[in-house]
Every structure is written in structure tokens, then in C-alpha cells.
Amino acid sequence: MNAQKGDIITFTATVEPSQDDPKFGFFKRPAKGSFVNEKTGEIIPSYPLYQDVQVLTTPDLLAEAQQKWRDLYGEVR
């Protein structure tokens, strides 16, 4: 996923309580990870790179794509 410190994510995992501490547990097999939009709480869909890939050949096309991303998902931190 390439998540970094401070990113808000969601995932599914199996949680097993600690035998030594009832307020502690271990999770394993995290799957279905997704980033979450900090402002709206919506899950940001992730698509495999082979789908809808577009080469942005000019700085203007890149800036336009980045603005569309910000409009949909908010600022990247």
C-alpha cells in the first residue's frame, strides 16, 4: 500500500487477545487495505496500475490530473 506515518487507512485483520494483558491484542493477516480521505472519511479506491493508466506528456496535463485528484480526495499530506 505504501502507507506512511500519519496516513489514515482501513483494513481487515484477525485480532487475538493477549494472554498476559486483557487490554492488549495482536492482529494478523491484514488485508483489503485502503486509504481514507481525512476530510470526508470516504475510502479512496485503489486501482491496479494496468487499469485506466494514462501517460501525462506535459506539465499542464500533470497539473490538471493533480487538481482532479485534490478535488476528489483532498490534499495529500
PDB file of N, CA and C in Angstrom:
ATOM      1  N   MET A   1       0.803  -1.194   0.000  1.00  0.00           N
ATOM      2  CA  MET A   1       0.000   0.000   0.000  1.00  0.00           C
ATOM      3  C   MET A   1       0.849   1.262   0.000  1.00  0.00           C
ATOM      4  N   ASN A   2       2.043   1.183   0.492  1.00  0.00           N
ATOM      5  CA  ASN A   2       2.918   2.350   0.611  1.00  0.00           C
ATOM      6  C   ASN A   2       2.369   3.411   1.564  1.00  0.00           C
ATOM      7  N   ALA A   3       1.678   2.991   2.608  1.00  0.00           N
ATOM      8  CA  ALA A   3       1.183   3.939   3.612  1.00  0.00           C
ATOM      9  C   ALA A   3       2.364   4.495   4.392  1.00  0.00           C
ATOM     10  N   GLN A   4       2.232   5.739   4.810  1.00  0.00           N
ATOM     11  CA  GLN A   4       3.283   6.388   5.571  1.00  0.00           C
ATOM     12  C   GLN A   4       2.721   6.874   6.896  1.00  0.00           C
ATOM     13  N   LYS A   5       3.601   7.189   7.823  1.00  0.00           N
ATOM     14  CA  LYS A   5       3.183   7.681   9.127  1.00  0.00           C
ATOM     15  C   LYS A   5       2.269   8.888   8.946  1.00  0.00           C
ATOM     16  N   GLY A   6       1.113   8.859   9.608  1.00  0.00           N
ATOM     17  CA  GLY A   6       0.157   9.949   9.508  1.00  0.00           C
ATOM     18  C   GLY A   6      -0.976   9.687   8.532  1.00  0.00           C
ATOM     19  N   ASP A   7      -0.802   8.713   7.618  1.00  0.00           N
ATOM     20  CA  ASP A   7      -1.875   8.370   6.688  1.00  0.00           C
ATOM     21  C   ASP A   7      -3.010   7.697   7.443  1.00  0.00           C
ATOM     22  N   ILE A   8      -4.220   7.959   7.019  1.00  0.00           N
ATOM     23  CA  ILE A   8      -5.377   7.287   7.601  1.00  0.00           C
ATOM     24  C   ILE A   8      -5.729   6.132   6.678  1.00  0.00           C
ATOM     25  N   ILE A   9      -5.771   4.926   7.233  1.00  0.00           N
ATOM     26  CA  ILE A   9      -6.055   3.739   6.434  1.00  0.00           C
ATOM     27  C   ILE A   9      -7.123   2.893   7.114  1.00  0.00           C
ATOM     28  N   THR A  10      -7.671   1.972   6.372  1.00  0.00           N
ATOM     29  CA  THR A  10      -8.582   0.979   6.910  1.00  0.00           C
ATOM     30  C   THR A  10      -8.142  -0.375   6.373  1.00  0.00           C
ATOM     31  N   PHE A  11      -8.338  -1.424   7.158  1.00  0.00           N
ATOM     32  CA  PHE A  11      -8.010  -2.768   6.698  1.00  0.00           C
ATOM     33  C   PHE A  11      -8.780  -3.780   7.529  1.00  0.00           C
ATOM     34  N   THR A  12      -8.808  -5.004   7.064  1.00  0.00           N
ATOM     35  CA  THR A  12      -9.438  -6.108   7.772  1.00  0.00           C
ATOM     36  C   THR A  12      -8.332  -7.003   8.323  1.00  0.00           C
ATOM     37  N   ALA A  13      -8.457  -7.421   9.589  1.00  0.00           N
ATOM     38  CA  ALA A  13      -7.438  -8.284  10.192  1.00  0.00           C
ATOM     39  C   ALA A  13      -8.073  -9.148  11.274  1.00  0.00           C
ATOM     40  N   THR A  14      -7.443 -10.258  11.565  1.00  0.00           N
ATOM     41  CA  THR A  14      -7.852 -11.129  12.657  1.00  0.00           C
ATOM     42  C   THR A  14      -7.155 -10.643  13.927  1.00  0.00           C
ATOM     43  N   VAL A  15      -7.925 -10.394  14.993  1.00  0.00           N
ATOM     44  CA  VAL A  15      -7.353  -9.901  16.241  1.00  0.00           C
ATOM     45  C   VAL A  15      -7.443 -11.005  17.291  1.00  0.00           C
ATOM     46  N   GLU A  16      -6.323 -11.228  17.972  1.00  0.00           N
ATOM     47  CA  GLU A  16      -6.265 -12.233  19.030  1.00  0.00           C
ATOM     48  C   GLU A  16      -5.838 -11.546  20.324  1.00  0.00           C
ATOM     49  N   PRO A  17      -6.609 -11.679  21.411  1.00  0.00           N
ATOM     50  CA  PRO A  17      -6.236 -11.021  22.659  1.00  0.00           C
ATOM     51  C   PRO A  17      -4.957 -11.623  23.255  1.00  0.00           C
ATOM     52  N   SER A  18      -4.209 -10.774  23.940  1.00  0.00           N
ATOM     53  CA  SER A  18      -3.003 -11.227  24.619  1.00  0.00           C
ATOM     54  C   SER A  18      -3.387 -12.101  25.813  1.00  0.00           C
ATOM     55  N   GLN A  19      -2.606 -13.123  26.074  1.00  0.00           N
ATOM     56  CA  GLN A  19      -2.860 -13.975  27.247  1.00  0.00           C
ATOM     57  C   GLN A  19      -2.408 -13.285  28.530  1.00  0.00           C
ATOM     58  N   ASP A  20      -1.496 -12.308  28.413  1.00  0.00           N
ATOM     59  CA  ASP A  20      -0.937 -11.644  29.587  1.00  0.00           C
ATOM     60  C   ASP A  20      -1.655 -10.346  29.964  1.00  0.00           C
ATOM     61  N   ASP A  21      -2.278  -9.687  28.999  1.00  0.00           N
ATOM     62  CA  ASP A  21      -2.872  -8.374  29.242  1.00  0.00           C
ATOM     63  C   ASP A  21      -4.219  -8.294  28.532  1.00  0.00           C
ATOM     64  N   PRO A  22      -5.317  -8.171  29.286  1.00  0.00           N
ATOM     65  CA  PRO A  22      -6.642  -8.153  28.653  1.00  0.00           C
ATOM     66  C   PRO A  22      -6.905  -6.905  27.807  1.00  0.00           C
ATOM     67  N   LYS A  23      -6.064  -5.885  27.939  1.00  0.00           N
ATOM     68  CA  LYS A  23      -6.248  -4.658  27.170  1.00  0.00           C
ATOM     69  C   LYS A  23      -5.310  -4.594  25.963  1.00  0.00           C
ATOM     70  N   PHE A  24      -4.692  -5.713  25.630  1.00  0.00           N
ATOM     71  CA  PHE A  24      -3.726  -5.745  24.543  1.00  0.00           C
ATOM     72  C   PHE A  24      -4.066  -6.907  23.630  1.00  0.00           C
ATOM     73  N   GLY A  25      -3.775  -6.765  22.353  1.00  0.00           N
ATOM     74  CA  GLY A  25      -4.029  -7.846  21.418  1.00  0.00           C
ATOM     75  C   GLY A  25      -3.063  -7.794  20.254  1.00  0.00           C
ATOM     76  N   PHE A  26      -3.106  -8.819  19.466  1.00  0.00           N
ATOM     77  CA  PHE A  26      -2.250  -8.939  18.288  1.00  0.00           C
ATOM     78  C   PHE A  26      -3.153  -9.095  17.077  1.00  0.00           C
ATOM     79  N   PHE A  27      -2.787  -8.437  15.976  1.00  0.00           N
ATOM     80  CA  PHE A  27      -3.551  -8.672  14.763  1.00  0.00           C
ATOM     81  C   PHE A  27      -2.655  -9.344  13.743  1.00  0.00           C
ATOM     82  N   LYS A  28      -3.271 -10.117  12.887  1.00  0.00           N
ATOM     83  CA  LYS A  28      -2.509 -10.811  11.864  1.00  0.00           C
ATOM     84  C   LYS A  28      -3.315 -10.863  10.577  1.00  0.00           C
ATOM     85  N   ARG A  29      -2.633 -11.110   9.514  1.00  0.00           N
ATOM     86  CA  ARG A  29      -3.213 -11.238   8.187  1.00  0.00           C
ATOM     87  C   ARG A  29      -3.989 -10.004   7.753  1.00  0.00           C
ATOM     88  N   PRO A  30      -3.399  -8.812   7.861  1.00  0.00           N
ATOM     89  CA  PRO A  30      -4.126  -7.637   7.375  1.00  0.00           C
ATOM     90  C   PRO A  30      -4.359  -7.742   5.868  1.00  0.00           C
ATOM     91  N   ALA A  31      -5.548  -7.383   5.443  1.00  0.00           N
ATOM     92  CA  ALA A  31      -5.907  -7.463   4.023  1.00  0.00           C
ATOM     93  C   ALA A  31      -6.888  -6.351   3.693  1.00  0.00           C
ATOM     94  N   LYS A  32      -7.127  -6.164   2.432  1.00  0.00           N
ATOM     95  CA  LYS A  32      -8.094  -5.182   1.939  1.00  0.00           C
ATOM     96  C   LYS A  32      -7.782  -3.780   2.453  1.00  0.00           C
ATOM     97  N   GLY A  33      -6.522  -3.416   2.428  1.00  0.00           N
ATOM     98  CA  GLY A  33      -6.121  -2.096   2.899  1.00  0.00           C
ATOM     99  C   GLY A  33      -6.499  -1.004   1.914  1.00  0.00           C
ATOM    100  N   SER A  34      -6.952   0.114   2.435  1.00  0.00           N
ATOM    101  CA  SER A  34      -7.310   1.269   1.618  1.00  0.00           C
ATOM    102  C   SER A  34      -6.989   2.540   2.389  1.00  0.00           C
ATOM    103  N   PHE A  35      -6.691   3.589   1.645  1.00  0.00           N
ATOM    104  CA  PHE A  35      -6.515   4.895   2.262  1.00  0.00           C
ATOM    105  C   PHE A  35      -7.886   5.513   2.508  1.00  0.00           C
ATOM    106  N   VAL A  36      -7.977   6.381   3.514  1.00  0.00           N
ATOM    107  CA  VAL A  36      -9.228   7.052   3.859  1.00  0.00           C
ATOM    108  C   VAL A  36      -9.016   8.557   3.724  1.00  0.00           C
ATOM    109  N   ASN A  37      -9.974   9.232   3.102  1.00  0.00           N
ATOM    110  CA  ASN A  37      -9.917  10.682   2.977  1.00  0.00           C
ATOM    111  C   ASN A  37     -10.116  11.289   4.353  1.00  0.00           C
ATOM    112  N   GLU A  38      -9.159  12.082   4.791  1.00  0.00           N
ATOM    113  CA  GLU A  38      -9.179  12.652   6.139  1.00  0.00           C
ATOM    114  C   GLU A  38     -10.378  13.578   6.357  1.00  0.00           C
ATOM    115  N   LYS A  39     -10.764  14.308   5.332  1.00  0.00           N
ATOM    116  CA  LYS A  39     -11.843  15.285   5.479  1.00  0.00           C
ATOM    117  C   LYS A  39     -13.227  14.658   5.439  1.00  0.00           C
ATOM    118  N   THR A  40     -13.428  13.700   4.528  1.00  0.00           N
ATOM    119  CA  THR A  40     -14.774  13.147   4.336  1.00  0.00           C
ATOM    120  C   THR A  40     -14.967  11.785   4.977  1.00  0.00           C
ATOM    121  N   GLY A  41     -13.868  11.082   5.273  1.00  0.00           N
ATOM    122  CA  GLY A  41     -13.972   9.738   5.820  1.00  0.00           C
ATOM    123  C   GLY A  41     -14.249   8.677   4.766  1.00  0.00           C
ATOM    124  N   GLU A  42     -14.287   9.080   3.501  1.00  0.00           N
ATOM    125  CA  GLU A  42     -14.550   8.127   2.431  1.00  0.00           C
ATOM    126  C   GLU A  42     -13.304   7.316   2.118  1.00  0.00           C
ATOM    127  N   ILE A  43     -13.513   6.071   1.729  1.00  0.00           N
ATOM    128  CA  ILE A  43     -12.404   5.222   1.319  1.00  0.00           C
ATOM    129  C   ILE A  43     -11.978   5.646  -0.082  1.00  0.00           C
ATOM    130  N   ILE A  44     -10.686   5.823  -0.260  1.00  0.00           N
ATOM    131  CA  ILE A  44     -10.136   6.191  -1.561  1.00  0.00           C
ATOM    132  C   ILE A  44      -9.875   4.901  -2.323  1.00  0.00           C
ATOM    133  N   PRO A  45     -10.551   4.700  -3.436  1.00  0.00           N
ATOM    134  CA  PRO A  45     -10.365   3.442  -4.163  1.00  0.00           C
ATOM    135  C   PRO A  45      -8.958   3.343  -4.730  1.00  0.00           C
ATOM    136  N   SER A  46      -8.450   2.142  -4.740  1.00  0.00           N
ATOM    137  CA  SER A  46      -7.140   1.922  -5.356  1.00  0.00           C
ATOM    138  C   SER A  46      -7.349   1.010  -6.554  1.00  0.00           C
ATOM    139  N   TYR A  47      -6.734   1.342  -7.616  1.00  0.00           N
ATOM    140  CA  TYR A  47      -6.882   0.580  -8.842  1.00  0.00           C
ATOM    141  C   TYR A  47      -5.530   0.010  -9.240  1.00  0.00           C
ATOM    142  N   PRO A  48      -5.517  -1.218  -9.760  1.00  0.00           N
ATOM    143  CA  PRO A  48      -4.250  -1.755 -10.278  1.00  0.00           C
ATOM    144  C   PRO A  48      -3.730  -0.853 -11.393  1.00  0.00           C
ATOM    145  N   LEU A  49      -2.427  -0.769 -11.518  1.00  0.00           N
ATOM    146  CA  LEU A  49      -1.832   0.143 -12.482  1.00  0.00           C
ATOM    147  C   LEU A  49      -2.213  -0.153 -13.921  1.00  0.00           C
ATOM    148  N   TYR A  50      -2.579  -1.383 -14.228  1.00  0.00           N
ATOM    149  CA  TYR A  50      -2.887  -1.705 -15.610  1.00  0.00           C
ATOM    150  C   TYR A  50      -4.246  -1.149 -16.050  1.00  0.00           C
ATOM    151  N   GLN A  51      -5.078  -0.710 -15.130  1.00  0.00           N
ATOM    152  CA  GLN A  51      -6.387  -0.166 -15.476  1.00  0.00           C
ATOM    153  C   GLN A  51      -6.317   1.361 -15.520  1.00  0.00           C
ATOM    154  N   ASP A  52      -6.874   1.932 -16.565  1.00  0.00           N
ATOM    155  CA  ASP A  52      -7.013   3.384 -16.687  1.00  0.00           C
ATOM    156  C   ASP A  52      -5.684   4.134 -16.540  1.00  0.00           C
ATOM    157  N   VAL A  53      -4.607   3.542 -16.992  1.00  0.00           N
ATOM    158  CA  VAL A  53      -3.318   4.234 -16.937  1.00  0.00           C
ATOM    159  C   VAL A  53      -3.250   5.222 -18.091  1.00  0.00           C
ATOM    160  N   GLN A  54      -2.791   6.418 -17.783  1.00  0.00           N
ATOM    161  CA  GLN A  54      -2.690   7.454 -18.796  1.00  0.00           C
ATOM    162  C   GLN A  54      -1.334   8.123 -18.634  1.00  0.00           C
ATOM    163  N   VAL A  55      -0.597   8.249 -19.732  1.00  0.00           N
ATOM    164  CA  VAL A  55       0.687   8.927 -19.697  1.00  0.00           C
ATOM    165  C   VAL A  55       0.430  10.423 -19.834  1.00  0.00           C
ATOM    166  N   LEU A  56       0.952  11.181 -18.883  1.00  0.00           N
ATOM    167  CA  LEU A  56       0.775  12.631 -18.895  1.00  0.00           C
ATOM    168  C   LEU A  56       2.029  13.243 -19.510  1.00  0.00           C
ATOM    169  N   THR A  57       1.891  13.689 -20.739  1.00  0.00           N
ATOM    170  CA  THR A  57       3.063  14.075 -21.536  1.00  0.00           C
ATOM    171  C   THR A  57       3.517  15.515 -21.350  1.00  0.00           C
ATOM    172  N   THR A  58       2.708  16.351 -20.695  1.00  0.00           N
ATOM    173  CA  THR A  58       3.112  17.743 -20.494  1.00  0.00           C
ATOM    174  C   THR A  58       2.871  18.139 -19.038  1.00  0.00           C
ATOM    175  N   PRO A  59       3.574  19.149 -18.556  1.00  0.00           N
ATOM    176  CA  PRO A  59       3.339  19.637 -17.196  1.00  0.00           C
ATOM    177  C   PRO A  59       1.893  20.097 -16.984  1.00  0.00           C
ATOM    178  N   ASP A  60       1.264  20.644 -18.029  1.00  0.00           N
ATOM    179  CA  ASP A  60      -0.125  21.093 -17.895  1.00  0.00           C
ATOM    180  C   ASP A  60      -1.074  19.911 -17.655  1.00  0.00           C
ATOM    181  N   LEU A  61      -0.862  18.814 -18.377  1.00  0.00           N
ATOM    182  CA  LEU A  61      -1.701  17.625 -18.174  1.00  0.00           C
ATOM    183  C   LEU A  61      -1.496  17.054 -16.769  1.00  0.00           C
ATOM    184  N   LEU A  62      -0.256  17.054 -16.293  1.00  0.00           N
ATOM    185  CA  LEU A  62       0.025  16.576 -14.947  1.00  0.00           C
ATOM    186  C   LEU A  62      -0.665  17.460 -13.907  1.00  0.00           C
ATOM    187  N   ALA A  63      -0.558  18.776 -14.058  1.00  0.00           N
ATOM    188  CA  ALA A  63      -1.188  19.704 -13.112  1.00  0.00           C
ATOM    189  C   ALA A  63      -2.711  19.518 -13.113  1.00  0.00           C
ATOM    190  N   GLU A  64      -3.296  19.307 -14.270  1.00  0.00           N
ATOM    191  CA  GLU A  64      -4.744  19.094 -14.373  1.00  0.00           C
ATOM    192  C   GLU A  64      -5.152  17.807 -13.654  1.00  0.00           C
ATOM    193  N   ALA A  65      -4.375  16.743 -13.845  1.00  0.00           N
ATOM    194  CA  ALA A  65      -4.670  15.471 -13.174  1.00  0.00           C
ATOM    195  C   ALA A  65      -4.522  15.609 -11.661  1.00  0.00           C
ATOM    196  N   GLN A  66      -3.502  16.331 -11.221  1.00  0.00           N
ATOM    197  CA  GLN A  66      -3.307  16.536  -9.788  1.00  0.00           C
ATOM    198  C   GLN A  66      -4.458  17.332  -9.181  1.00  0.00           C
ATOM    199  N   GLN A  67      -4.963  18.318  -9.901  1.00  0.00           N
ATOM    200  CA  GLN A  67      -6.084  19.106  -9.396  1.00  0.00           C
ATOM    201  C   GLN A  67      -7.351  18.255  -9.304  1.00  0.00           C
ATOM    202  N   LYS A  68      -7.571  17.398 -10.294  1.00  0.00           N
ATOM    203  CA  LYS A  68      -8.730  16.494 -10.238  1.00  0.00           C
ATOM    204  C   LYS A  68      -8.638  15.595  -9.013  1.00  0.00           C
ATOM    205  N   TRP A  69      -7.423  15.106  -8.720  1.00  0.00           N
ATOM    206  CA  TRP A  69      -7.217  14.257  -7.541  1.00  0.00           C
ATOM    207  C   TRP A  69      -7.568  15.040  -6.268  1.00  0.00           C
ATOM    208  N   ARG A  70      -7.050  16.266  -6.160  1.00  0.00           N
ATOM    209  CA  ARG A  70      -7.336  17.090  -4.979  1.00  0.00           C
ATOM    210  C   ARG A  70      -8.828  17.360  -4.831  1.00  0.00           C
ATOM    211  N   ASP A  71      -9.507  17.618  -5.947  1.00  0.00           N
ATOM    212  CA  ASP A  71     -10.947  17.871  -5.906  1.00  0.00           C
ATOM    213  C   ASP A  71     -11.712  16.659  -5.386  1.00  0.00           C
ATOM    214  N   LEU A  72     -11.261  15.469  -5.775  1.00  0.00           N
ATOM    215  CA  LEU A  72     -11.941  14.236  -5.348  1.00  0.00           C
ATOM    216  C   LEU A  72     -11.576  13.808  -3.934  1.00  0.00           C
ATOM    217  N   TYR A  73     -10.283  13.884  -3.597  1.00  0.00           N
ATOM    218  CA  TYR A  73      -9.804  13.249  -2.368  1.00  0.00           C
ATOM    219  C   TYR A  73      -9.196  14.201  -1.347  1.00  0.00           C
ATOM    220  N   GLY A  74      -9.037  15.450  -1.683  1.00  0.00           N
ATOM    221  CA  GLY A  74      -8.422  16.375  -0.734  1.00  0.00           C
ATOM    222  C   GLY A  74      -6.917  16.431  -0.935  1.00  0.00           C
ATOM    223  N   GLU A  75      -6.285  17.265  -0.156  1.00  0.00           N
ATOM    224  CA  GLU A  75      -4.836  17.455  -0.253  1.00  0.00           C
ATOM    225  C   GLU A  75      -4.084  16.218   0.220  1.00  0.00           C
ATOM    226  N   VAL A  76      -2.997  15.926  -0.419  1.00  0.00           N
ATOM    227  CA  VAL A  76      -2.114  14.846   0.004  1.00  0.00           C
ATOM    228  C   VAL A  76      -1.176  15.404   1.060  1.00  0.00           C
ATOM    229  N   ARG A  77      -1.019  14.677   2.168  1.00  0.00           N
ATOM    230  CA  ARG A  77      -0.141  15.148   3.234  1.00  0.00           C
ATOM    231  C   ARG A  77       1.172  14.437   3.165  1.00  0.00           C
TER     232      ARG A  77
END
